[in-house]
């Protein structure tokens, strides 16, 4: 968490744990970053690049992510959140849960919904993350709620110390 000190406290950060901050659906077949990665040589060194499928999914997520959050004048969430995701695929070729979480966290960070994906607590309660197969409408349904992160108290103490030192 590379938050700058002091950070700007937003109305969303002041909400109670469990309050919904954003619900969003990303259309298209979700994919993980690690499935079908490409290894290329750049300046004589091997580099691992994301698959074309992931890059397409990430690009397709830009408009809905930006319109749902920063397009409404919000700053990226720089505080703890809990995310519930439900993945619907167009076939029974199912990736692993961790891969989908990593990909979604990176997408939400890249397109300005969250400041750093380390703020995320992944939750699904009693509902499974895999919704099933929907050949006509593969998608990722996302719900983001406020959830205090242990590092928030640490950051607050650091900010207070910095203000005290400046005074």
N, C-alpha and C. Protein backbone atom coordinates (compact mmCIF):
# COMPACT_ATOMS: atom_id res chain seq x y z
N UNK A 1 0.83 -1.17 0.00
CA UNK A 1 0.00 0.00 0.00
C UNK A 1 0.87 1.24 0.00
N UNK A 2 0.92 1.85 -1.12
CA UNK A 2 1.78 3.01 -1.28
C UNK A 2 0.99 4.30 -1.17
N UNK A 3 0.12 4.38 -0.20
CA UNK A 3 -0.69 5.58 -0.05
C UNK A 3 0.19 6.76 0.27
N UNK A 4 -0.16 7.88 -0.30
CA UNK A 4 0.56 9.11 -0.01
C UNK A 4 -0.01 9.69 1.29
N UNK A 5 0.83 10.32 2.08
CA UNK A 5 0.38 10.89 3.35
C UNK A 5 0.32 12.38 3.23
N UNK A 6 -0.67 13.07 3.70
CA UNK A 6 -1.93 12.46 4.13
C UNK A 6 -2.81 12.16 2.94
N UNK A 7 -3.66 11.17 3.08
CA UNK A 7 -4.59 10.84 2.01
C UNK A 7 -5.88 11.62 2.23
N UNK A 8 -6.68 11.72 1.19
CA UNK A 8 -7.96 12.42 1.28
C UNK A 8 -9.02 11.45 1.77
N UNK A 9 -9.67 11.79 2.86
CA UNK A 9 -10.75 10.95 3.39
C UNK A 9 -12.02 11.31 2.63
N UNK A 10 -12.65 10.29 2.03
CA UNK A 10 -13.86 10.51 1.25
C UNK A 10 -15.09 10.08 2.05
N UNK A 11 -16.26 10.46 1.56
CA UNK A 11 -17.51 10.06 2.21
C UNK A 11 -17.65 8.54 2.24
N UNK A 12 -17.16 7.88 1.20
CA UNK A 12 -17.25 6.42 1.16
C UNK A 12 -16.40 5.78 2.25
N UNK A 13 -15.25 6.37 2.52
CA UNK A 13 -14.37 5.83 3.56
C UNK A 13 -15.02 5.93 4.94
N UNK A 14 -15.88 6.92 5.13
CA UNK A 14 -16.53 7.12 6.42
C UNK A 14 -17.74 6.22 6.63
N UNK A 15 -18.15 5.50 5.60
CA UNK A 15 -19.31 4.61 5.73
C UNK A 15 -19.01 3.46 6.68
N UNK A 16 -20.05 2.92 7.23
CA UNK A 16 -19.93 1.78 8.16
C UNK A 16 -19.56 0.52 7.40
N UNK A 17 -18.86 -0.37 8.08
CA UNK A 17 -18.53 -1.65 7.47
C UNK A 17 -19.81 -2.34 6.99
N UNK A 18 -19.72 -2.91 5.81
CA UNK A 18 -20.86 -3.63 5.25
C UNK A 18 -21.71 -2.79 4.30
N UNK A 19 -21.56 -1.46 4.36
CA UNK A 19 -22.35 -0.63 3.45
C UNK A 19 -21.86 -0.79 2.03
N UNK A 20 -22.79 -0.90 1.11
CA UNK A 20 -22.44 -1.08 -0.29
C UNK A 20 -21.90 0.22 -0.87
N UNK A 21 -20.80 0.11 -1.57
CA UNK A 21 -20.19 1.26 -2.23
C UNK A 21 -20.45 1.24 -3.73
N UNK A 22 -20.49 0.04 -4.31
CA UNK A 22 -20.64 -0.06 -5.76
C UNK A 22 -21.05 -1.47 -6.14
N UNK A 23 -22.00 -1.57 -7.07
CA UNK A 23 -22.33 -2.84 -7.72
C UNK A 23 -22.08 -2.63 -9.21
N UNK A 24 -21.50 -3.63 -9.83
CA UNK A 24 -21.06 -3.47 -11.20
C UNK A 24 -21.04 -4.83 -11.88
N UNK A 25 -21.38 -4.86 -13.16
CA UNK A 25 -21.28 -6.09 -13.94
C UNK A 25 -20.34 -5.84 -15.11
N UNK A 26 -19.38 -6.73 -15.28
CA UNK A 26 -18.47 -6.68 -16.43
C UNK A 26 -18.94 -7.76 -17.40
N UNK A 27 -19.37 -7.34 -18.58
CA UNK A 27 -19.85 -8.27 -19.58
C UNK A 27 -18.70 -8.93 -20.31
N UNK A 28 -18.95 -10.12 -20.80
CA UNK A 28 -17.94 -10.87 -21.54
C UNK A 28 -17.36 -11.97 -20.69
N UNK A 29 -16.72 -12.91 -21.35
CA UNK A 29 -16.14 -14.05 -20.64
C UNK A 29 -14.99 -13.58 -19.76
N UNK A 30 -15.14 -13.77 -18.43
CA UNK A 30 -14.04 -13.44 -17.52
C UNK A 30 -12.88 -14.39 -17.78
N UNK A 31 -11.69 -13.91 -17.51
CA UNK A 31 -10.52 -14.77 -17.68
C UNK A 31 -9.49 -14.41 -16.62
N UNK A 32 -8.58 -15.31 -16.41
CA UNK A 32 -7.51 -15.07 -15.45
C UNK A 32 -6.30 -14.52 -16.20
N UNK A 33 -5.37 -13.94 -15.46
CA UNK A 33 -4.16 -13.41 -16.09
C UNK A 33 -3.18 -14.52 -16.44
N UNK A 34 -3.24 -15.61 -15.70
CA UNK A 34 -2.21 -16.64 -15.86
C UNK A 34 -2.56 -17.71 -16.88
N UNK A 35 -3.80 -17.74 -17.36
CA UNK A 35 -4.17 -18.74 -18.35
C UNK A 35 -3.61 -18.33 -19.71
N UNK A 36 -2.88 -19.22 -20.33
CA UNK A 36 -2.32 -19.00 -21.67
C UNK A 36 -1.42 -17.77 -21.75
N UNK A 37 -0.55 -17.60 -20.77
CA UNK A 37 0.39 -16.49 -20.82
C UNK A 37 1.35 -16.69 -21.98
N UNK A 38 1.93 -15.59 -22.43
CA UNK A 38 2.91 -15.63 -23.51
C UNK A 38 4.28 -15.30 -22.95
N UNK A 39 5.27 -16.09 -23.32
CA UNK A 39 6.65 -15.81 -22.93
C UNK A 39 7.36 -15.31 -24.17
N UNK A 40 7.92 -14.10 -24.06
CA UNK A 40 8.64 -13.50 -25.19
C UNK A 40 10.02 -13.06 -24.72
N UNK A 41 10.91 -12.93 -25.66
CA UNK A 41 12.25 -12.45 -25.34
C UNK A 41 12.30 -10.96 -25.63
N UNK A 42 12.67 -10.17 -24.65
CA UNK A 42 12.83 -8.73 -24.81
C UNK A 42 14.24 -8.40 -24.33
N UNK A 43 15.05 -7.86 -25.25
CA UNK A 43 16.44 -7.53 -24.96
C UNK A 43 17.19 -8.72 -24.36
N UNK A 44 16.93 -9.89 -24.92
CA UNK A 44 17.63 -11.09 -24.51
C UNK A 44 17.14 -11.71 -23.22
N UNK A 45 16.07 -11.19 -22.64
CA UNK A 45 15.54 -11.74 -21.39
C UNK A 45 14.10 -12.21 -21.59
N UNK A 46 13.75 -13.32 -21.00
CA UNK A 46 12.36 -13.79 -21.14
C UNK A 46 11.41 -12.91 -20.30
N UNK A 47 10.30 -12.56 -20.87
CA UNK A 47 9.26 -11.78 -20.18
C UNK A 47 7.94 -12.52 -20.34
N UNK A 48 7.15 -12.51 -19.28
CA UNK A 48 5.84 -13.15 -19.31
C UNK A 48 4.79 -12.07 -19.55
N UNK A 49 4.01 -12.24 -20.61
CA UNK A 49 2.94 -11.30 -20.94
C UNK A 49 1.60 -11.98 -20.75
N UNK A 50 0.60 -11.19 -20.43
CA UNK A 50 -0.75 -11.73 -20.27
C UNK A 50 -1.25 -12.26 -21.62
N UNK A 51 -2.21 -13.15 -21.54
CA UNK A 51 -2.78 -13.72 -22.76
C UNK A 51 -3.61 -12.67 -23.49
N UNK A 52 -3.82 -12.91 -24.78
CA UNK A 52 -4.67 -12.01 -25.57
C UNK A 52 -6.07 -11.96 -24.99
N UNK A 53 -6.56 -13.09 -24.52
CA UNK A 53 -7.92 -13.14 -23.96
C UNK A 53 -8.02 -12.23 -22.74
N UNK A 54 -7.01 -12.27 -21.85
CA UNK A 54 -7.04 -11.40 -20.68
C UNK A 54 -6.96 -9.93 -21.09
N UNK A 55 -6.07 -9.61 -22.01
CA UNK A 55 -5.92 -8.22 -22.45
C UNK A 55 -7.23 -7.70 -23.03
N UNK A 56 -7.94 -8.52 -23.79
CA UNK A 56 -9.23 -8.13 -24.35
C UNK A 56 -10.25 -7.91 -23.23
N UNK A 57 -10.27 -8.80 -22.25
CA UNK A 57 -11.21 -8.66 -21.12
C UNK A 57 -10.91 -7.38 -20.34
N UNK A 58 -9.63 -7.12 -20.10
CA UNK A 58 -9.23 -5.92 -19.37
C UNK A 58 -9.65 -4.65 -20.13
N UNK A 59 -9.42 -4.62 -21.43
CA UNK A 59 -9.81 -3.45 -22.23
C UNK A 59 -11.32 -3.26 -22.23
N UNK A 60 -12.06 -4.36 -22.35
CA UNK A 60 -13.52 -4.28 -22.37
C UNK A 60 -14.08 -3.76 -21.04
N UNK A 61 -13.34 -3.98 -19.96
CA UNK A 61 -13.78 -3.55 -18.62
C UNK A 61 -13.57 -2.06 -18.40
N UNK A 62 -12.79 -1.41 -19.24
CA UNK A 62 -12.45 0.00 -19.01
C UNK A 62 -13.69 0.90 -18.92
N UNK A 63 -14.53 0.87 -19.93
CA UNK A 63 -15.68 1.77 -19.97
C UNK A 63 -16.63 1.54 -18.79
N UNK A 64 -17.07 0.30 -18.53
CA UNK A 64 -17.98 0.14 -17.39
C UNK A 64 -17.35 0.51 -16.05
N UNK A 65 -16.06 0.21 -15.88
CA UNK A 65 -15.40 0.56 -14.61
C UNK A 65 -15.29 2.07 -14.45
N UNK A 66 -14.79 2.74 -15.49
CA UNK A 66 -14.64 4.18 -15.38
C UNK A 66 -15.98 4.89 -15.25
N UNK A 67 -17.01 4.44 -16.00
CA UNK A 67 -18.30 5.13 -15.87
C UNK A 67 -18.95 4.88 -14.51
N UNK A 68 -18.68 3.74 -13.91
CA UNK A 68 -19.30 3.43 -12.62
C UNK A 68 -18.66 4.17 -11.46
N UNK A 69 -17.41 4.61 -11.62
CA UNK A 69 -16.73 5.19 -10.46
C UNK A 69 -16.08 6.55 -10.74
N UNK A 70 -14.93 6.57 -11.40
CA UNK A 70 -14.24 7.85 -11.59
C UNK A 70 -15.01 8.77 -12.52
N UNK A 71 -15.82 8.20 -13.41
CA UNK A 71 -16.65 9.00 -14.29
C UNK A 71 -17.73 9.75 -13.54
N UNK A 72 -17.98 9.35 -12.31
CA UNK A 72 -18.96 10.03 -11.46
C UNK A 72 -18.28 10.98 -10.49
N UNK A 73 -16.99 11.24 -10.74
CA UNK A 73 -16.26 12.20 -9.92
C UNK A 73 -15.63 11.63 -8.67
N UNK A 74 -15.59 10.32 -8.55
CA UNK A 74 -15.00 9.68 -7.36
C UNK A 74 -13.51 9.44 -7.55
N UNK A 75 -12.77 9.52 -6.46
CA UNK A 75 -11.36 9.13 -6.43
C UNK A 75 -11.30 7.62 -6.23
N UNK A 76 -10.22 6.96 -6.65
CA UNK A 76 -10.09 5.53 -6.36
C UNK A 76 -10.19 5.27 -4.85
N UNK A 77 -10.82 4.18 -4.49
CA UNK A 77 -10.99 3.82 -3.08
C UNK A 77 -9.63 3.52 -2.48
N UNK A 78 -9.20 4.32 -1.52
CA UNK A 78 -7.89 4.18 -0.89
C UNK A 78 -8.10 3.76 0.56
N UNK A 79 -8.87 2.71 0.73
CA UNK A 79 -9.24 2.19 2.05
C UNK A 79 -9.76 0.77 1.88
N UNK A 80 -10.00 0.10 2.99
CA UNK A 80 -10.42 -1.29 2.95
C UNK A 80 -11.81 -1.50 2.37
N UNK A 81 -11.91 -2.53 1.54
CA UNK A 81 -13.18 -2.92 0.94
C UNK A 81 -13.31 -4.44 0.96
N UNK A 82 -14.54 -4.90 0.89
CA UNK A 82 -14.82 -6.33 0.73
C UNK A 82 -15.49 -6.48 -0.63
N UNK A 83 -15.00 -7.42 -1.41
CA UNK A 83 -15.56 -7.63 -2.74
C UNK A 83 -16.13 -9.04 -2.84
N UNK A 84 -17.35 -9.08 -3.34
CA UNK A 84 -18.00 -10.34 -3.68
C UNK A 84 -18.06 -10.39 -5.19
N UNK A 85 -17.62 -11.49 -5.76
CA UNK A 85 -17.73 -11.62 -7.21
C UNK A 85 -18.45 -12.93 -7.53
N UNK A 86 -19.15 -12.88 -8.63
CA UNK A 86 -19.84 -14.07 -9.13
C UNK A 86 -19.53 -14.14 -10.62
N UNK A 87 -18.91 -15.23 -11.03
CA UNK A 87 -18.44 -15.40 -12.39
C UNK A 87 -19.38 -16.34 -13.15
N UNK A 88 -19.82 -15.89 -14.31
CA UNK A 88 -20.64 -16.69 -15.22
C UNK A 88 -19.86 -16.87 -16.51
N UNK A 89 -19.62 -18.10 -16.91
CA UNK A 89 -18.82 -18.39 -18.09
C UNK A 89 -19.70 -18.90 -19.23
N UNK A 90 -19.11 -18.93 -20.44
CA UNK A 90 -19.86 -19.42 -21.60
C UNK A 90 -19.63 -20.91 -21.85
N UNK A 91 -18.84 -21.56 -21.00
CA UNK A 91 -18.59 -23.00 -21.11
C UNK A 91 -18.15 -23.52 -19.75
N UNK A 92 -17.99 -24.82 -19.66
CA UNK A 92 -17.56 -25.44 -18.41
C UNK A 92 -16.05 -25.48 -18.28
N UNK A 93 -15.33 -24.71 -19.08
CA UNK A 93 -13.89 -24.58 -18.91
C UNK A 93 -13.71 -23.49 -17.85
N UNK A 94 -13.49 -23.93 -16.62
CA UNK A 94 -13.48 -23.02 -15.47
C UNK A 94 -12.06 -22.88 -14.94
N UNK A 95 -11.61 -21.63 -14.79
CA UNK A 95 -10.31 -21.36 -14.20
C UNK A 95 -10.39 -21.45 -12.68
N UNK A 96 -9.30 -21.11 -12.02
CA UNK A 96 -9.30 -21.20 -10.57
C UNK A 96 -9.72 -19.87 -9.93
N UNK A 97 -10.31 -19.97 -8.78
CA UNK A 97 -10.84 -18.81 -8.04
C UNK A 97 -9.78 -17.74 -7.84
N UNK A 98 -8.61 -18.14 -7.40
CA UNK A 98 -7.54 -17.18 -7.15
C UNK A 98 -7.18 -16.40 -8.41
N UNK A 99 -7.14 -17.07 -9.54
CA UNK A 99 -6.82 -16.40 -10.80
C UNK A 99 -7.84 -15.33 -11.16
N UNK A 100 -9.12 -15.65 -10.95
CA UNK A 100 -10.17 -14.66 -11.24
C UNK A 100 -10.07 -13.48 -10.26
N UNK A 101 -9.78 -13.75 -8.99
CA UNK A 101 -9.65 -12.67 -8.01
C UNK A 101 -8.48 -11.76 -8.38
N UNK A 102 -7.34 -12.34 -8.72
CA UNK A 102 -6.17 -11.54 -9.09
C UNK A 102 -6.47 -10.68 -10.31
N UNK A 103 -7.09 -11.26 -11.31
CA UNK A 103 -7.40 -10.52 -12.53
C UNK A 103 -8.37 -9.38 -12.23
N UNK A 104 -9.41 -9.67 -11.48
CA UNK A 104 -10.40 -8.64 -11.17
C UNK A 104 -9.79 -7.53 -10.31
N UNK A 105 -8.98 -7.88 -9.33
CA UNK A 105 -8.32 -6.88 -8.50
C UNK A 105 -7.45 -5.96 -9.34
N UNK A 106 -6.70 -6.54 -10.28
CA UNK A 106 -5.83 -5.73 -11.15
C UNK A 106 -6.66 -4.82 -12.06
N UNK A 107 -7.77 -5.32 -12.56
CA UNK A 107 -8.64 -4.51 -13.43
C UNK A 107 -9.25 -3.36 -12.65
N UNK A 108 -9.76 -3.63 -11.44
CA UNK A 108 -10.37 -2.57 -10.63
C UNK A 108 -9.35 -1.50 -10.26
N UNK A 109 -8.11 -1.91 -10.06
CA UNK A 109 -7.05 -0.95 -9.77
C UNK A 109 -6.68 -0.16 -11.03
N UNK A 110 -6.50 -0.84 -12.13
CA UNK A 110 -6.09 -0.19 -13.38
C UNK A 110 -7.09 0.87 -13.82
N UNK A 111 -8.38 0.59 -13.70
CA UNK A 111 -9.40 1.51 -14.20
C UNK A 111 -9.95 2.44 -13.12
N UNK A 112 -9.25 2.57 -11.98
CA UNK A 112 -9.52 3.64 -11.04
C UNK A 112 -10.62 3.43 -10.03
N UNK A 113 -11.06 2.20 -9.82
CA UNK A 113 -12.07 1.98 -8.79
C UNK A 113 -11.41 1.87 -7.42
N UNK A 114 -10.31 1.16 -7.35
CA UNK A 114 -9.56 1.08 -6.08
C UNK A 114 -8.14 1.58 -6.32
N UNK A 115 -7.53 2.12 -5.27
CA UNK A 115 -6.18 2.66 -5.38
C UNK A 115 -5.13 1.55 -5.39
N UNK A 116 -5.39 0.48 -4.67
CA UNK A 116 -4.43 -0.60 -4.55
C UNK A 116 -5.19 -1.88 -4.21
N UNK A 117 -4.99 -2.94 -4.98
CA UNK A 117 -5.77 -4.16 -4.74
C UNK A 117 -5.42 -4.86 -3.43
N UNK A 118 -4.41 -4.39 -2.73
CA UNK A 118 -4.11 -4.98 -1.42
C UNK A 118 -5.15 -4.56 -0.36
N UNK A 119 -5.99 -3.58 -0.68
CA UNK A 119 -7.06 -3.17 0.24
C UNK A 119 -8.22 -4.17 0.24
N UNK A 120 -8.24 -5.10 -0.70
CA UNK A 120 -9.40 -5.97 -0.90
C UNK A 120 -9.41 -7.17 0.05
N UNK A 121 -10.57 -7.38 0.66
CA UNK A 121 -10.88 -8.64 1.35
C UNK A 121 -11.90 -9.33 0.44
N UNK A 122 -11.60 -10.53 -0.01
CA UNK A 122 -12.51 -11.25 -0.91
C UNK A 122 -13.50 -12.05 -0.09
N UNK A 123 -14.78 -11.86 -0.35
CA UNK A 123 -15.81 -12.55 0.41
C UNK A 123 -16.88 -13.06 -0.54
N UNK A 124 -17.50 -14.15 -0.18
CA UNK A 124 -18.65 -14.62 -0.93
C UNK A 124 -19.70 -15.23 -0.01
N UNK A 125 -19.46 -15.19 1.29
CA UNK A 125 -20.45 -15.73 2.21
C UNK A 125 -20.75 -17.18 1.89
N UNK A 126 -22.02 -17.52 1.88
CA UNK A 126 -22.42 -18.90 1.60
C UNK A 126 -22.64 -19.14 0.11
N UNK A 127 -22.50 -18.08 -0.70
CA UNK A 127 -22.70 -18.20 -2.13
C UNK A 127 -21.37 -18.53 -2.81
N UNK A 128 -21.38 -19.44 -3.75
CA UNK A 128 -20.16 -19.81 -4.46
C UNK A 128 -19.80 -18.73 -5.46
N UNK A 129 -18.50 -18.49 -5.67
CA UNK A 129 -18.03 -17.47 -6.60
C UNK A 129 -18.39 -17.81 -8.05
N UNK A 130 -18.51 -19.11 -8.36
CA UNK A 130 -18.83 -19.53 -9.73
C UNK A 130 -20.34 -19.66 -9.85
N UNK A 131 -20.94 -18.78 -10.66
CA UNK A 131 -22.39 -18.78 -10.83
C UNK A 131 -22.88 -19.87 -11.75
N UNK A 132 -22.03 -20.29 -12.68
CA UNK A 132 -22.42 -21.33 -13.61
C UNK A 132 -22.11 -20.94 -15.03
N UNK A 133 -22.79 -21.60 -15.96
CA UNK A 133 -22.59 -21.34 -17.38
C UNK A 133 -23.80 -20.60 -17.92
N UNK A 134 -23.53 -19.51 -18.60
CA UNK A 134 -24.56 -18.74 -19.30
C UNK A 134 -23.98 -18.42 -20.67
N UNK A 135 -24.22 -19.31 -21.63
CA UNK A 135 -23.59 -19.18 -22.96
C UNK A 135 -23.91 -17.86 -23.63
N UNK A 136 -25.09 -17.32 -23.36
CA UNK A 136 -25.52 -16.08 -24.02
C UNK A 136 -25.07 -14.82 -23.29
N UNK A 137 -24.67 -14.95 -22.03
CA UNK A 137 -24.34 -13.76 -21.25
C UNK A 137 -23.24 -14.03 -20.22
N UNK A 138 -22.02 -14.40 -20.67
CA UNK A 138 -20.94 -14.57 -19.70
C UNK A 138 -20.62 -13.22 -19.09
N UNK A 139 -20.29 -13.22 -17.78
CA UNK A 139 -20.10 -11.94 -17.08
C UNK A 139 -19.48 -12.15 -15.72
N UNK A 140 -19.09 -11.03 -15.11
CA UNK A 140 -18.64 -11.02 -13.72
C UNK A 140 -19.49 -10.00 -12.98
N UNK A 141 -20.22 -10.45 -11.98
CA UNK A 141 -21.03 -9.56 -11.16
C UNK A 141 -20.22 -9.23 -9.91
N UNK A 142 -20.11 -7.93 -9.62
CA UNK A 142 -19.24 -7.46 -8.54
C UNK A 142 -20.02 -6.61 -7.57
N UNK A 143 -19.79 -6.83 -6.30
CA UNK A 143 -20.36 -5.98 -5.26
C UNK A 143 -19.20 -5.56 -4.35
N UNK A 144 -19.08 -4.24 -4.15
CA UNK A 144 -18.00 -3.72 -3.30
C UNK A 144 -18.63 -3.06 -2.08
N UNK A 145 -18.21 -3.52 -0.90
CA UNK A 145 -18.71 -2.98 0.36
C UNK A 145 -17.55 -2.42 1.17
N UNK A 146 -17.87 -1.56 2.09
CA UNK A 146 -16.86 -1.00 2.99
C UNK A 146 -16.46 -2.07 3.99
N UNK A 147 -15.18 -2.22 4.20
CA UNK A 147 -14.67 -3.12 5.24
C UNK A 147 -13.33 -2.58 5.72
N UNK A 148 -13.25 -2.24 6.99
CA UNK A 148 -12.02 -1.68 7.55
C UNK A 148 -10.86 -2.65 7.38
N UNK A 149 -9.74 -2.11 6.98
CA UNK A 149 -8.52 -2.88 6.79
C UNK A 149 -7.61 -2.58 7.99
N UNK A 150 -6.90 -3.56 8.51
CA UNK A 150 -6.01 -3.30 9.65
C UNK A 150 -5.00 -2.18 9.40
N UNK A 151 -4.59 -1.99 8.17
CA UNK A 151 -3.58 -0.96 7.88
C UNK A 151 -4.15 0.46 7.98
N UNK A 152 -5.46 0.61 7.98
CA UNK A 152 -6.05 1.94 8.07
C UNK A 152 -5.68 2.63 9.39
N UNK A 153 -5.69 1.90 10.49
CA UNK A 153 -5.32 2.46 11.79
C UNK A 153 -3.85 2.87 11.78
N UNK A 154 -3.00 2.05 11.21
CA UNK A 154 -1.58 2.36 11.08
C UNK A 154 -1.39 3.65 10.28
N UNK A 155 -2.08 3.74 9.14
CA UNK A 155 -1.95 4.93 8.30
C UNK A 155 -2.43 6.17 9.05
N UNK A 156 -3.51 6.05 9.77
CA UNK A 156 -4.05 7.18 10.54
C UNK A 156 -3.02 7.67 11.57
N UNK A 157 -2.38 6.75 12.26
CA UNK A 157 -1.36 7.13 13.25
C UNK A 157 -0.17 7.81 12.57
N UNK A 158 0.23 7.31 11.40
CA UNK A 158 1.33 7.94 10.67
C UNK A 158 0.96 9.35 10.24
N UNK A 159 -0.26 9.51 9.76
CA UNK A 159 -0.71 10.84 9.32
C UNK A 159 -0.76 11.82 10.49
N UNK A 160 -1.25 11.35 11.65
CA UNK A 160 -1.31 12.21 12.83
C UNK A 160 0.10 12.62 13.27
N UNK A 161 1.03 11.70 13.22
CA UNK A 161 2.41 12.00 13.60
C UNK A 161 3.02 13.02 12.64
N UNK A 162 2.71 12.88 11.36
CA UNK A 162 3.24 13.82 10.37
C UNK A 162 2.67 15.23 10.59
N UNK A 163 1.38 15.31 10.89
CA UNK A 163 0.74 16.61 11.15
C UNK A 163 1.33 17.23 12.41
N UNK A 164 1.52 16.41 13.44
CA UNK A 164 2.07 16.90 14.71
C UNK A 164 3.49 17.41 14.50
N UNK A 165 4.29 16.67 13.71
CA UNK A 165 5.66 17.06 13.45
C UNK A 165 5.71 18.37 12.64
N UNK A 166 4.79 18.55 11.74
CA UNK A 166 4.76 19.78 10.91
C UNK A 166 4.34 21.00 11.73
N UNK A 167 3.58 20.77 12.79
CA UNK A 167 3.06 21.89 13.61
C UNK A 167 4.05 22.42 14.59
